[in-house]
Amino acid sequence: MAETDIESLIRSLVIPLLKQPQALSITQKDDGRYHRYIIDVAPNDVGRLIGRQGHVAAVLRTIVEGTQSRRANSKRVRLLINDHRH
């Protein structure tokens, strides 16, 4: 399956933050309203990706979700981080 522009953007933003970039996995799931991109990383990299008080995750979401099309019929983009710590 070919990588989408959004997956490429996510990969370029996330890889510099990780100690184990080879463990990065991005899954896309579509439902009626959203294109959901789920980031899965090594358990010891989850904290680095979320950041203190969620600041890094918030910035990532702002950038990725800001790329969505403004057309009326287009699906919205959501970025989720799979948290293995709990």
N, C-alpha and C. Protein backbone atom coordinates (compact mmCIF):
# COMPACT_ATOMS: atom_id res chain seq x y z
N MET A 1 0.84 -1.18 0.00
CA MET A 1 0.00 0.00 0.00
C MET A 1 0.88 1.25 0.00
N ALA A 2 0.55 2.18 -0.83
CA ALA A 2 1.34 3.40 -0.95
C ALA A 2 1.10 4.32 0.25
N GLU A 3 2.14 5.01 0.63
CA GLU A 3 2.05 5.92 1.75
C GLU A 3 1.39 7.22 1.29
N THR A 4 0.44 7.72 2.07
CA THR A 4 -0.24 8.97 1.73
C THR A 4 0.63 10.16 2.12
N ASP A 5 0.26 11.34 1.65
CA ASP A 5 0.99 12.55 2.01
C ASP A 5 0.93 12.80 3.51
N ILE A 6 -0.22 12.53 4.12
CA ILE A 6 -0.37 12.75 5.56
C ILE A 6 0.51 11.76 6.34
N GLU A 7 0.55 10.50 5.91
CA GLU A 7 1.42 9.53 6.58
C GLU A 7 2.88 9.95 6.46
N SER A 8 3.26 10.46 5.31
CA SER A 8 4.62 10.94 5.11
C SER A 8 4.92 12.12 6.02
N LEU A 9 3.97 13.03 6.16
CA LEU A 9 4.12 14.17 7.07
C LEU A 9 4.29 13.69 8.50
N ILE A 10 3.42 12.78 8.94
CA ILE A 10 3.50 12.25 10.30
C ILE A 10 4.86 11.61 10.53
N ARG A 11 5.30 10.78 9.58
CA ARG A 11 6.59 10.09 9.71
C ARG A 11 7.74 11.11 9.83
N SER A 12 7.71 12.17 9.03
CA SER A 12 8.80 13.16 9.08
C SER A 12 8.78 13.96 10.38
N LEU A 13 7.62 14.15 10.99
CA LEU A 13 7.53 14.86 12.26
C LEU A 13 7.92 13.99 13.45
N VAL A 14 7.58 12.71 13.39
CA VAL A 14 7.71 11.82 14.54
C VAL A 14 9.09 11.17 14.65
N ILE A 15 9.69 10.77 13.54
CA ILE A 15 10.95 10.02 13.58
C ILE A 15 12.05 10.74 14.37
N PRO A 16 12.24 12.05 14.23
CA PRO A 16 13.31 12.69 15.02
C PRO A 16 13.08 12.63 16.54
N LEU A 17 11.87 12.37 16.98
CA LEU A 17 11.56 12.32 18.40
C LEU A 17 11.85 10.95 19.03
N LEU A 18 12.01 9.93 18.22
CA LEU A 18 12.07 8.56 18.70
C LEU A 18 13.49 8.04 18.86
N LYS A 19 13.69 7.18 19.88
CA LYS A 19 14.95 6.47 20.04
C LYS A 19 14.96 5.19 19.23
N GLN A 20 13.77 4.65 18.95
CA GLN A 20 13.64 3.43 18.15
C GLN A 20 12.71 3.72 16.96
N PRO A 21 13.18 4.47 15.98
CA PRO A 21 12.31 4.84 14.86
C PRO A 21 11.87 3.65 14.02
N GLN A 22 12.61 2.55 14.05
CA GLN A 22 12.23 1.37 13.28
C GLN A 22 10.94 0.75 13.80
N ALA A 23 10.53 1.07 15.02
CA ALA A 23 9.31 0.52 15.59
C ALA A 23 8.07 1.34 15.22
N LEU A 24 8.25 2.45 14.53
CA LEU A 24 7.13 3.32 14.16
C LEU A 24 6.20 2.62 13.18
N SER A 25 4.92 2.69 13.49
CA SER A 25 3.89 2.14 12.61
C SER A 25 2.74 3.14 12.56
N ILE A 26 2.26 3.43 11.36
CA ILE A 26 1.14 4.35 11.19
C ILE A 26 0.03 3.59 10.47
N THR A 27 -1.13 3.55 11.10
CA THR A 27 -2.28 2.84 10.54
C THR A 27 -3.37 3.86 10.24
N GLN A 28 -3.97 3.73 9.07
CA GLN A 28 -5.08 4.61 8.71
C GLN A 28 -6.38 3.82 8.78
N LYS A 29 -7.37 4.40 9.46
CA LYS A 29 -8.71 3.81 9.52
C LYS A 29 -9.71 4.89 9.15
N ASP A 30 -10.60 4.56 8.26
CA ASP A 30 -11.63 5.50 7.85
C ASP A 30 -12.98 5.07 8.40
N ASP A 31 -13.74 6.05 8.85
CA ASP A 31 -15.13 5.79 9.18
C ASP A 31 -15.96 6.86 8.50
N GLY A 32 -17.18 7.00 8.85
CA GLY A 32 -18.07 7.92 8.16
C GLY A 32 -17.62 9.36 8.15
N ARG A 33 -16.98 9.82 9.23
CA ARG A 33 -16.64 11.23 9.33
C ARG A 33 -15.15 11.53 9.31
N TYR A 34 -14.32 10.56 9.67
CA TYR A 34 -12.90 10.85 9.89
C TYR A 34 -11.96 9.91 9.15
N HIS A 35 -10.78 10.45 8.80
CA HIS A 35 -9.61 9.66 8.45
C HIS A 35 -8.79 9.63 9.74
N ARG A 36 -8.69 8.49 10.37
CA ARG A 36 -7.94 8.38 11.62
C ARG A 36 -6.56 7.80 11.33
N TYR A 37 -5.53 8.48 11.80
CA TYR A 37 -4.16 8.00 11.68
C TYR A 37 -3.69 7.64 13.08
N ILE A 38 -3.38 6.37 13.28
CA ILE A 38 -3.00 5.86 14.59
C ILE A 38 -1.49 5.61 14.58
N ILE A 39 -0.79 6.27 15.49
CA ILE A 39 0.66 6.12 15.61
C ILE A 39 0.94 5.08 16.68
N ASP A 40 1.78 4.12 16.33
CA ASP A 40 2.20 3.08 17.25
C ASP A 40 3.72 3.09 17.30
N VAL A 41 4.29 3.24 18.50
CA VAL A 41 5.74 3.28 18.66
C VAL A 41 6.15 2.30 19.76
N ALA A 42 7.45 2.14 19.95
CA ALA A 42 7.96 1.29 21.03
C ALA A 42 7.48 1.85 22.37
N PRO A 43 7.20 0.98 23.35
CA PRO A 43 6.68 1.45 24.64
C PRO A 43 7.53 2.52 25.32
N ASN A 44 8.86 2.45 25.18
CA ASN A 44 9.69 3.46 25.84
C ASN A 44 9.74 4.78 25.07
N ASP A 45 9.16 4.85 23.89
CA ASP A 45 9.09 6.09 23.11
C ASP A 45 7.75 6.81 23.24
N VAL A 46 6.77 6.19 23.85
CA VAL A 46 5.44 6.80 23.96
C VAL A 46 5.52 8.13 24.72
N GLY A 47 6.24 8.15 25.82
CA GLY A 47 6.37 9.38 26.60
C GLY A 47 7.03 10.50 25.83
N ARG A 48 8.02 10.15 25.02
CA ARG A 48 8.71 11.16 24.20
C ARG A 48 7.75 11.74 23.17
N LEU A 49 6.84 10.91 22.66
CA LEU A 49 5.90 11.34 21.64
C LEU A 49 4.76 12.18 22.22
N ILE A 50 4.37 11.86 23.44
CA ILE A 50 3.30 12.62 24.08
C ILE A 50 3.84 13.92 24.67
N GLY A 51 5.01 13.86 25.29
CA GLY A 51 5.63 15.06 25.86
C GLY A 51 5.05 15.41 27.22
N ARG A 52 5.68 16.35 27.86
CA ARG A 52 5.20 16.78 29.18
C ARG A 52 3.84 17.44 29.05
N GLN A 53 2.92 16.96 29.84
CA GLN A 53 1.54 17.46 29.87
C GLN A 53 0.89 17.41 28.49
N GLY A 54 1.38 16.55 27.59
CA GLY A 54 0.77 16.36 26.29
C GLY A 54 1.08 17.44 25.27
N HIS A 55 2.10 18.26 25.53
CA HIS A 55 2.39 19.37 24.63
C HIS A 55 2.87 18.92 23.25
N VAL A 56 3.73 17.90 23.20
CA VAL A 56 4.23 17.43 21.90
C VAL A 56 3.08 16.84 21.09
N ALA A 57 2.25 16.01 21.73
CA ALA A 57 1.10 15.42 21.05
C ALA A 57 0.15 16.50 20.53
N ALA A 58 -0.06 17.54 21.31
CA ALA A 58 -0.95 18.63 20.90
C ALA A 58 -0.41 19.34 19.66
N VAL A 59 0.89 19.57 19.61
CA VAL A 59 1.49 20.23 18.45
C VAL A 59 1.39 19.33 17.22
N LEU A 60 1.67 18.04 17.38
CA LEU A 60 1.55 17.10 16.27
C LEU A 60 0.12 17.08 15.72
N ARG A 61 -0.85 17.04 16.62
CA ARG A 61 -2.26 17.04 16.19
C ARG A 61 -2.62 18.33 15.46
N THR A 62 -2.14 19.45 15.96
CA THR A 62 -2.43 20.74 15.32
C THR A 62 -1.89 20.77 13.91
N ILE A 63 -0.67 20.31 13.72
CA ILE A 63 -0.06 20.33 12.38
C ILE A 63 -0.80 19.37 11.45
N VAL A 64 -0.98 18.13 11.89
CA VAL A 64 -1.59 17.11 11.01
C VAL A 64 -3.05 17.42 10.73
N GLU A 65 -3.81 17.77 11.75
CA GLU A 65 -5.23 18.05 11.54
C GLU A 65 -5.44 19.35 10.78
N GLY A 66 -4.45 20.23 10.77
CA GLY A 66 -4.54 21.48 10.02
C GLY A 66 -4.37 21.28 8.52
N THR A 67 -3.94 20.10 8.10
CA THR A 67 -3.75 19.83 6.68
C THR A 67 -5.03 19.41 5.98
N GLN A 68 -6.10 19.22 6.73
CA GLN A 68 -7.33 18.69 6.13
C GLN A 68 -7.94 19.68 5.15
N SER A 69 -8.65 19.12 4.22
CA SER A 69 -9.31 19.92 3.20
C SER A 69 -10.49 20.66 3.81
N ARG A 70 -10.76 21.82 3.31
CA ARG A 70 -11.88 22.64 3.81
C ARG A 70 -13.16 22.43 3.00
N ARG A 71 -13.14 21.47 2.06
CA ARG A 71 -14.35 21.22 1.27
C ARG A 71 -15.46 20.64 2.16
N ALA A 72 -16.68 20.90 1.81
CA ALA A 72 -17.83 20.49 2.61
C ALA A 72 -17.96 18.97 2.71
N ASN A 73 -17.63 18.25 1.67
CA ASN A 73 -17.82 16.80 1.66
C ASN A 73 -16.61 16.00 2.11
N SER A 74 -15.51 16.66 2.45
CA SER A 74 -14.31 15.92 2.79
C SER A 74 -14.33 15.44 4.24
N LYS A 75 -13.66 14.32 4.48
CA LYS A 75 -13.58 13.77 5.83
C LYS A 75 -12.54 14.55 6.62
N ARG A 76 -12.74 14.64 7.92
CA ARG A 76 -11.80 15.32 8.79
C ARG A 76 -10.67 14.36 9.17
N VAL A 77 -9.53 14.90 9.50
CA VAL A 77 -8.35 14.12 9.86
C VAL A 77 -8.19 14.13 11.37
N ARG A 78 -7.90 12.96 11.95
CA ARG A 78 -7.64 12.83 13.38
C ARG A 78 -6.35 12.06 13.57
N LEU A 79 -5.53 12.49 14.53
CA LEU A 79 -4.28 11.82 14.87
C LEU A 79 -4.41 11.23 16.26
N LEU A 80 -4.15 9.94 16.38
CA LEU A 80 -4.23 9.24 17.65
C LEU A 80 -2.89 8.58 17.96
N ILE A 81 -2.53 8.52 19.24
CA ILE A 81 -1.29 7.87 19.65
C ILE A 81 -1.67 6.68 20.51
N ASN A 82 -1.21 5.50 20.09
CA ASN A 82 -1.49 4.28 20.84
C ASN A 82 -0.59 4.24 22.06
N ASP A 83 -1.17 4.34 23.25
CA ASP A 83 -0.42 4.43 24.50
C ASP A 83 -0.32 3.06 25.15
N HIS A 84 0.85 2.45 25.11
CA HIS A 84 1.07 1.12 25.68
C HIS A 84 1.40 1.17 27.16
N ARG A 85 1.48 2.35 27.73
CA ARG A 85 1.92 2.46 29.12
C ARG A 85 0.85 2.03 30.11
N HIS A 86 -0.39 1.98 29.71
CA HIS A 86 -1.47 1.65 30.66
C HIS A 86 -2.00 0.27 30.42
